[in-house]
Amino acid sequence: MTDLHRKSLFDAKARQEAAIDAMANGRFFDTAGDLMKVGNYRDALPLLLQARSLAQDRFPDWGSSPAIEVCVGECFEKLGQAEEARQAFNQALSIMEPFTPEKKNAFNHLIKRATDGLARLK
């Protein structure tokens, strides 16, 4: 096997692993969202924490996804864990802080959910 062939196999495996992680993350996040819609925050939270862990690997510069952090904050808030909720809402806002105005505009709904969550916790 040549070095070029080895590199090609390595690149293909890395792409495959990234695709599997993305699908898993989507499944955890979608299922958690469905649970949150029916008020089942206790079962949604572990799925969101798993999605957060996968997102931290996929978005090392961000540390997570703002959508996941907002949902984590909402779950912690509903479960009466105010400090953990604050941390997640603040994390979501800090991820979005360096975004361009255009990108922030696309994330307005998440910015509002995070700021509203923090206001409720005061």
C-alpha atoms as a PDB file:
ATOM      1  CA  MET A   1       0.000   0.000   0.000  1.00  0.00           C
ATOM      2  CA  THR A   2       1.417   3.371  -0.970  1.00  0.00           C
ATOM      3  CA  ASP A   3       1.569   6.409   1.289  1.00  0.00           C
ATOM      4  CA  LEU A   4      -0.967   8.147  -0.963  1.00  0.00           C
ATOM      5  CA  HIS A   5      -3.350   5.209  -0.623  1.00  0.00           C
ATOM      6  CA  ARG A   6      -2.938   5.205   3.188  1.00  0.00           C
ATOM      7  CA  LYS A   7      -3.631   8.946   3.323  1.00  0.00           C
ATOM      8  CA  SER A   8      -6.720   8.522   1.156  1.00  0.00           C
ATOM      9  CA  LEU A   9      -8.047   5.782   3.448  1.00  0.00           C
ATOM     10  CA  PHE A  10      -7.273   7.882   6.525  1.00  0.00           C
ATOM     11  CA  ASP A  11      -9.081  10.920   5.031  1.00  0.00           C
ATOM     12  CA  ALA A  12     -12.092   8.785   4.084  1.00  0.00           C
ATOM     13  CA  LYS A  13     -12.263   7.321   7.612  1.00  0.00           C
ATOM     14  CA  ALA A  14     -12.063  10.793   9.161  1.00  0.00           C
ATOM     15  CA  ARG A  15     -14.897  12.021   6.915  1.00  0.00           C
ATOM     16  CA  GLN A  16     -16.964   8.946   7.773  1.00  0.00           C
ATOM     17  CA  GLU A  17     -16.448   9.487  11.523  1.00  0.00           C
ATOM     18  CA  ALA A  18     -17.415  13.163  11.177  1.00  0.00           C
ATOM     19  CA  ALA A  19     -20.588  12.190   9.319  1.00  0.00           C
ATOM     20  CA  ILE A  20     -21.497   9.628  11.996  1.00  0.00           C
ATOM     21  CA  ASP A  21     -20.912  12.219  14.740  1.00  0.00           C
ATOM     22  CA  ALA A  22     -23.079  14.742  12.896  1.00  0.00           C
ATOM     23  CA  MET A  23     -25.919  12.233  12.524  1.00  0.00           C
ATOM     24  CA  ALA A  24     -25.666  11.193  16.169  1.00  0.00           C
ATOM     25  CA  ASN A  25     -25.618  14.810  17.292  1.00  0.00           C
ATOM     26  CA  GLY A  26     -28.691  15.530  15.178  1.00  0.00           C
ATOM     27  CA  ARG A  27     -30.534  12.532  16.611  1.00  0.00           C
ATOM     28  CA  PHE A  28     -29.757  13.501  20.203  1.00  0.00           C
ATOM     29  CA  PHE A  29     -30.740  17.111  19.559  1.00  0.00           C
ATOM     30  CA  ASP A  30     -33.947  16.254  17.643  1.00  0.00           C
ATOM     31  CA  THR A  31     -35.083  13.744  20.247  1.00  0.00           C
ATOM     32  CA  ALA A  32     -34.322  16.187  23.069  1.00  0.00           C
ATOM     33  CA  GLY A  33     -36.334  18.870  21.268  1.00  0.00           C
ATOM     34  CA  ASP A  34     -39.299  16.508  20.980  1.00  0.00           C
ATOM     35  CA  LEU A  35     -39.066  15.726  24.696  1.00  0.00           C
ATOM     36  CA  MET A  36     -38.863  19.432  25.566  1.00  0.00           C
ATOM     37  CA  LYS A  37     -42.000  20.140  23.493  1.00  0.00           C
ATOM     38  CA  VAL A  38     -43.997  17.831  25.766  1.00  0.00           C
ATOM     39  CA  GLY A  39     -42.383  19.164  28.947  1.00  0.00           C
ATOM     40  CA  ASN A  40     -40.092  16.194  29.590  1.00  0.00           C
ATOM     41  CA  TYR A  41     -37.011  18.214  30.525  1.00  0.00           C
ATOM     42  CA  ARG A  42     -35.575  15.529  32.797  1.00  0.00           C
ATOM     43  CA  ASP A  43     -35.186  13.056  29.902  1.00  0.00           C
ATOM     44  CA  ALA A  44     -34.189  15.751  27.398  1.00  0.00           C
ATOM     45  CA  LEU A  45     -31.242  17.014  29.434  1.00  0.00           C
ATOM     46  CA  PRO A  46     -28.975  13.920  29.172  1.00  0.00           C
ATOM     47  CA  LEU A  47     -29.513  13.856  25.404  1.00  0.00           C
ATOM     48  CA  LEU A  48     -28.600  17.524  25.163  1.00  0.00           C
ATOM     49  CA  LEU A  49     -25.499  16.974  27.277  1.00  0.00           C
ATOM     50  CA  GLN A  50     -24.486  14.176  24.892  1.00  0.00           C
ATOM     51  CA  ALA A  51     -25.138  16.471  21.912  1.00  0.00           C
ATOM     52  CA  ARG A  52     -23.053  19.149  23.665  1.00  0.00           C
ATOM     53  CA  SER A  53     -20.179  16.707  24.052  1.00  0.00           C
ATOM     54  CA  LEU A  54     -20.310  15.820  20.353  1.00  0.00           C
ATOM     55  CA  ALA A  55     -20.582  19.511  19.413  1.00  0.00           C
ATOM     56  CA  GLN A  56     -17.496  20.343  21.473  1.00  0.00           C
ATOM     57  CA  ASP A  57     -15.559  17.926  19.300  1.00  0.00           C
ATOM     58  CA  ARG A  58     -17.074  19.312  16.089  1.00  0.00           C
ATOM     59  CA  PHE A  59     -16.796  23.016  17.009  1.00  0.00           C
ATOM     60  CA  PRO A  60     -13.591  23.320  19.054  1.00  0.00           C
ATOM     61  CA  ASP A  61     -13.408  27.089  18.492  1.00  0.00           C
ATOM     62  CA  TRP A  62     -16.909  27.571  19.898  1.00  0.00           C
ATOM     63  CA  GLY A  63     -16.818  24.864  22.543  1.00  0.00           C
ATOM     64  CA  SER A  64     -20.416  23.929  21.721  1.00  0.00           C
ATOM     65  CA  SER A  65     -23.403  25.015  19.667  1.00  0.00           C
ATOM     66  CA  PRO A  66     -25.487  28.050  20.685  1.00  0.00           C
ATOM     67  CA  ALA A  67     -28.720  26.147  19.993  1.00  0.00           C
ATOM     68  CA  ILE A  68     -27.663  23.284  22.248  1.00  0.00           C
ATOM     69  CA  GLU A  69     -26.562  25.673  25.007  1.00  0.00           C
ATOM     70  CA  VAL A  70     -29.908  27.516  24.933  1.00  0.00           C
ATOM     71  CA  CYS A  71     -31.805  24.220  25.185  1.00  0.00           C
ATOM     72  CA  VAL A  72     -29.522  23.018  27.996  1.00  0.00           C
ATOM     73  CA  GLY A  73     -30.214  26.299  29.806  1.00  0.00           C
ATOM     74  CA  GLU A  74     -33.957  25.905  29.371  1.00  0.00           C
ATOM     75  CA  CYS A  75     -33.851  22.350  30.716  1.00  0.00           C
ATOM     76  CA  PHE A  76     -31.796  23.338  33.746  1.00  0.00           C
ATOM     77  CA  GLU A  77     -34.144  26.275  34.346  1.00  0.00           C
ATOM     78  CA  LYS A  78     -37.236  24.044  34.221  1.00  0.00           C
ATOM     79  CA  LEU A  79     -35.555  21.553  36.548  1.00  0.00           C
ATOM     80  CA  GLY A  80     -34.838  24.285  39.115  1.00  0.00           C
ATOM     81  CA  GLN A  81     -31.067  24.369  38.592  1.00  0.00           C
ATOM     82  CA  ALA A  82     -30.664  28.111  38.191  1.00  0.00           C
ATOM     83  CA  GLU A  83     -26.865  28.347  38.295  1.00  0.00           C
ATOM     84  CA  GLU A  84     -26.410  25.665  35.636  1.00  0.00           C
ATOM     85  CA  ALA A  85     -29.086  27.387  33.525  1.00  0.00           C
ATOM     86  CA  ARG A  86     -27.283  30.733  33.803  1.00  0.00           C
ATOM     87  CA  GLN A  87     -24.004  29.139  32.760  1.00  0.00           C
ATOM     88  CA  ALA A  88     -25.572  27.569  29.667  1.00  0.00           C
ATOM     89  CA  PHE A  89     -27.396  30.770  28.640  1.00  0.00           C
ATOM     90  CA  ASN A  90     -24.196  32.797  29.117  1.00  0.00           C
ATOM     91  CA  GLN A  91     -22.228  30.205  27.125  1.00  0.00           C
ATOM     92  CA  ALA A  92     -24.714  30.502  24.251  1.00  0.00           C
ATOM     93  CA  LEU A  93     -24.376  34.283  24.247  1.00  0.00           C
ATOM     94  CA  SER A  94     -20.581  34.158  24.448  1.00  0.00           C
ATOM     95  CA  ILE A  95     -20.441  31.785  21.463  1.00  0.00           C
ATOM     96  CA  MET A  96     -22.509  34.253  19.427  1.00  0.00           C
ATOM     97  CA  GLU A  97     -20.691  37.401  20.626  1.00  0.00           C
ATOM     98  CA  PRO A  98     -18.007  37.450  17.887  1.00  0.00           C
ATOM     99  CA  PHE A  99     -20.519  36.749  15.102  1.00  0.00           C
ATOM    100  CA  THR A 100     -20.874  39.329  12.341  1.00  0.00           C
ATOM    101  CA  PRO A 101     -24.072  41.423  12.410  1.00  0.00           C
ATOM    102  CA  GLU A 102     -25.474  39.347   9.549  1.00  0.00           C
ATOM    103  CA  LYS A 103     -24.778  36.098  11.360  1.00  0.00           C
ATOM    104  CA  LYS A 104     -26.176  37.483  14.630  1.00  0.00           C
ATOM    105  CA  ASN A 105     -29.334  38.399  12.749  1.00  0.00           C
ATOM    106  CA  ALA A 106     -29.701  34.767  11.706  1.00  0.00           C
ATOM    107  CA  PHE A 107     -29.337  33.746  15.367  1.00  0.00           C
ATOM    108  CA  ASN A 108     -31.698  36.398  16.811  1.00  0.00           C
ATOM    109  CA  HIS A 109     -34.176  33.791  18.036  1.00  0.00           C
ATOM    110  CA  LEU A 110     -31.437  32.093  20.091  1.00  0.00           C
ATOM    111  CA  ILE A 111     -30.106  35.401  21.413  1.00  0.00           C
ATOM    112  CA  LYS A 112     -33.641  36.269  22.551  1.00  0.00           C
ATOM    113  CA  ARG A 113     -34.214  32.883  24.200  1.00  0.00           C
ATOM    114  CA  ALA A 114     -30.891  33.143  26.074  1.00  0.00           C
ATOM    115  CA  THR A 115     -31.423  36.742  27.229  1.00  0.00           C
ATOM    116  CA  ASP A 116     -35.039  35.995  28.209  1.00  0.00           C
ATOM    117  CA  GLY A 117     -33.842  32.956  30.161  1.00  0.00           C
ATOM    118  CA  LEU A 118     -31.284  35.031  32.034  1.00  0.00           C
ATOM    119  CA  ALA A 119     -33.933  37.669  32.807  1.00  0.00           C
ATOM    120  CA  ARG A 120     -36.259  35.011  34.239  1.00  0.00           C
ATOM    121  CA  LEU A 121     -33.474  33.778  36.534  1.00  0.00           C
ATOM    122  CA  LYS A 122     -32.815  37.147  38.172  1.00  0.00           C
END
